[in-house]
Protein backbone atom coordinates (compact mmCIF):
# COMPACT_ATOMS: atom_id res chain seq x y z
CA MET A 1 -11.67 18.56 40.74
CA ILE A 2 -14.91 20.33 39.83
CA VAL A 3 -15.49 20.98 36.12
CA GLY A 4 -18.40 22.71 34.41
CA ARG A 5 -19.57 25.58 32.21
CA VAL A 6 -19.87 29.00 33.80
CA ALA A 7 -23.53 30.05 34.09
CA HIS A 8 -25.26 33.21 35.23
CA GLY A 9 -25.80 33.44 38.96
CA LYS A 10 -27.77 35.91 41.11
CA GLY A 11 -25.17 38.68 40.79
CA GLN A 12 -24.91 39.06 44.57
CA GLY A 13 -21.16 38.41 44.77
CA GLY A 14 -20.34 41.37 42.56
CA LYS A 15 -22.54 43.64 44.66
CA ILE A 16 -20.38 42.96 47.73
CA GLY A 17 -17.07 43.18 45.87
CA PHE A 18 -16.50 39.49 45.16
CA PRO A 19 -17.90 38.55 41.73
CA THR A 20 -18.21 34.82 41.12
CA ALA A 21 -18.17 32.36 38.26
CA ASN A 22 -21.06 29.99 38.93
CA LEU A 23 -21.38 26.29 38.17
CA PRO A 24 -24.36 24.01 38.80
CA ILE A 25 -24.14 22.04 42.05
CA ASP A 26 -24.23 18.71 40.17
CA CYS A 27 -20.67 19.48 39.01
CA ALA A 28 -19.58 19.01 42.63
CA GLN A 29 -21.08 15.62 43.43
CA GLY A 30 -19.46 14.17 46.53
CA VAL A 31 -17.88 17.50 47.58
CA GLU A 32 -18.70 18.62 51.12
CA TYR A 33 -20.48 21.97 51.36
CA GLY A 34 -18.09 24.68 52.48
CA VAL A 35 -15.47 27.20 51.41
CA TYR A 36 -12.24 26.14 49.72
CA ALA A 37 -8.99 27.58 48.42
CA ALA A 38 -8.67 26.41 44.84
CA ARG A 39 -6.75 26.63 41.62
CA ALA A 40 -9.06 27.85 38.82
CA ILE A 41 -8.15 26.81 35.29
CA ILE A 42 -9.96 28.76 32.60
CA LYS A 43 -9.17 30.14 29.14
CA GLY A 44 -5.69 28.62 29.29
CA GLY A 45 -4.85 30.44 32.54
CA CYS A 46 -4.40 29.26 36.11
CA TYR A 47 -5.53 31.54 38.95
CA PRO A 48 -6.01 31.37 42.72
CA ALA A 49 -9.65 31.25 43.80
CA VAL A 50 -12.01 31.04 46.74
CA VAL A 51 -14.83 28.59 46.10
CA ASN A 52 -18.12 28.17 47.95
CA VAL A 53 -19.92 24.89 47.42
CA GLY A 54 -23.40 24.89 48.83
CA ALA A 55 -26.56 26.75 49.67
CA HIS A 56 -25.11 30.23 50.41
CA PRO A 57 -27.15 30.65 53.63
CA THR A 58 -26.68 34.41 54.08
CA LEU A 59 -28.12 35.07 50.59
CA PRO A 60 -30.27 31.94 50.19
CA GLU A 61 -32.22 32.79 47.04
CA GLY A 62 -31.81 30.14 44.37
CA ALA A 63 -30.59 26.57 44.33
CA PRO A 64 -27.31 25.42 45.84
CA SER A 65 -24.38 26.06 43.52
CA VAL A 66 -20.63 26.25 43.13
CA GLU A 67 -19.45 29.88 43.27
CA ALA A 68 -15.82 30.65 42.45
CA HIS A 69 -14.32 34.07 43.16
CA ILE A 70 -11.31 33.97 40.84
CA LEU A 71 -8.54 36.24 42.07
CA ASP A 72 -6.64 38.40 39.58
CA GLU A 73 -8.99 37.62 36.66
CA SER A 74 -11.93 39.72 35.51
CA ALA A 75 -12.59 38.51 31.95
CA GLU A 76 -16.07 37.59 30.72
CA LEU A 77 -16.41 33.90 31.61
CA TYR A 78 -20.04 32.98 30.84
CA GLY A 79 -20.21 29.78 28.82
CA GLU A 80 -16.51 28.97 29.34
CA GLU A 81 -15.41 25.65 30.79
CA LEU A 82 -14.02 26.13 34.29
CA ALA A 83 -11.98 23.57 36.22
CA LEU A 84 -11.54 24.05 39.96
CA GLU A 85 -8.87 22.05 41.75
CA LEU A 86 -9.77 22.23 45.43
CA LEU A 87 -6.54 22.68 47.39
CA ALA A 88 -7.71 23.21 50.98
CA TYR A 89 -10.93 23.29 52.98
CA LEU A 90 -11.11 26.73 54.64
CA ARG A 91 -14.36 26.58 56.61
CA SER A 92 -17.93 25.37 56.71
CA GLU A 93 -20.79 27.39 55.30
CA ARG A 94 -22.63 29.50 57.83
CA LYS A 95 -25.22 32.22 57.93
CA PHE A 96 -23.84 35.65 58.79
CA GLU A 97 -25.78 38.36 60.61
CA SER A 98 -25.31 40.81 57.74
CA VAL A 99 -23.99 41.07 54.19
CA ALA A 100 -21.21 43.35 55.53
CA GLN A 101 -20.11 40.60 57.94
CA LEU A 102 -20.16 38.09 55.06
CA GLY A 103 -17.99 40.47 53.01
CA ARG A 104 -15.44 40.72 55.81
CA GLN A 105 -15.30 36.93 56.07
CA ILE A 106 -14.85 36.54 52.31
CA ALA A 107 -11.98 39.06 52.44
CA SER A 108 -10.37 36.89 55.11
CA ASP A 109 -11.00 33.78 52.99
CA VAL A 110 -9.31 35.52 50.03
CA ASP A 111 -6.23 36.24 52.16
CA ALA A 112 -6.06 32.61 53.28
CA ALA A 113 -6.56 31.33 49.73
CA ARG A 114 -3.78 33.58 48.40
CA GLN A 115 -1.34 32.10 50.90
CA ILE A 116 -2.38 28.51 50.15
CA CYS A 117 -2.46 29.03 46.38
CA ALA A 118 0.96 30.71 46.38
CA ARG A 119 2.37 27.34 47.39
CA HIS A 120 0.49 25.46 44.64
CA ILE A 121 0.16 27.70 41.55
CA GLY A 122 2.77 26.76 39.02
CA GLU A 123 3.05 23.14 40.18
């Protein structure tokens, strides 16, 4: 479980169609860098999510962080406490040749996370 307050990030996720709620990397001590399917608990709701923990090598500006793309939720989350229950490790972080290629991979990650989360949301 990763828990922290949502902070402003670089805004890159939204530019490629996958806005993220960002947490400082110290919230994820002991968590292996990579991409996960997760259950996001925020503002009393529970949502499927894709979470990247790490250095975001394709868009490397800034410090490593926890970036959660919360599916089916678009509310203003800055300053809110966010809990992320990691359900499954999807893949390791890697540098993509282009932002478009990264976007295609994230879309695939979202599909995988939806399937995994469908089995867990509501438990």
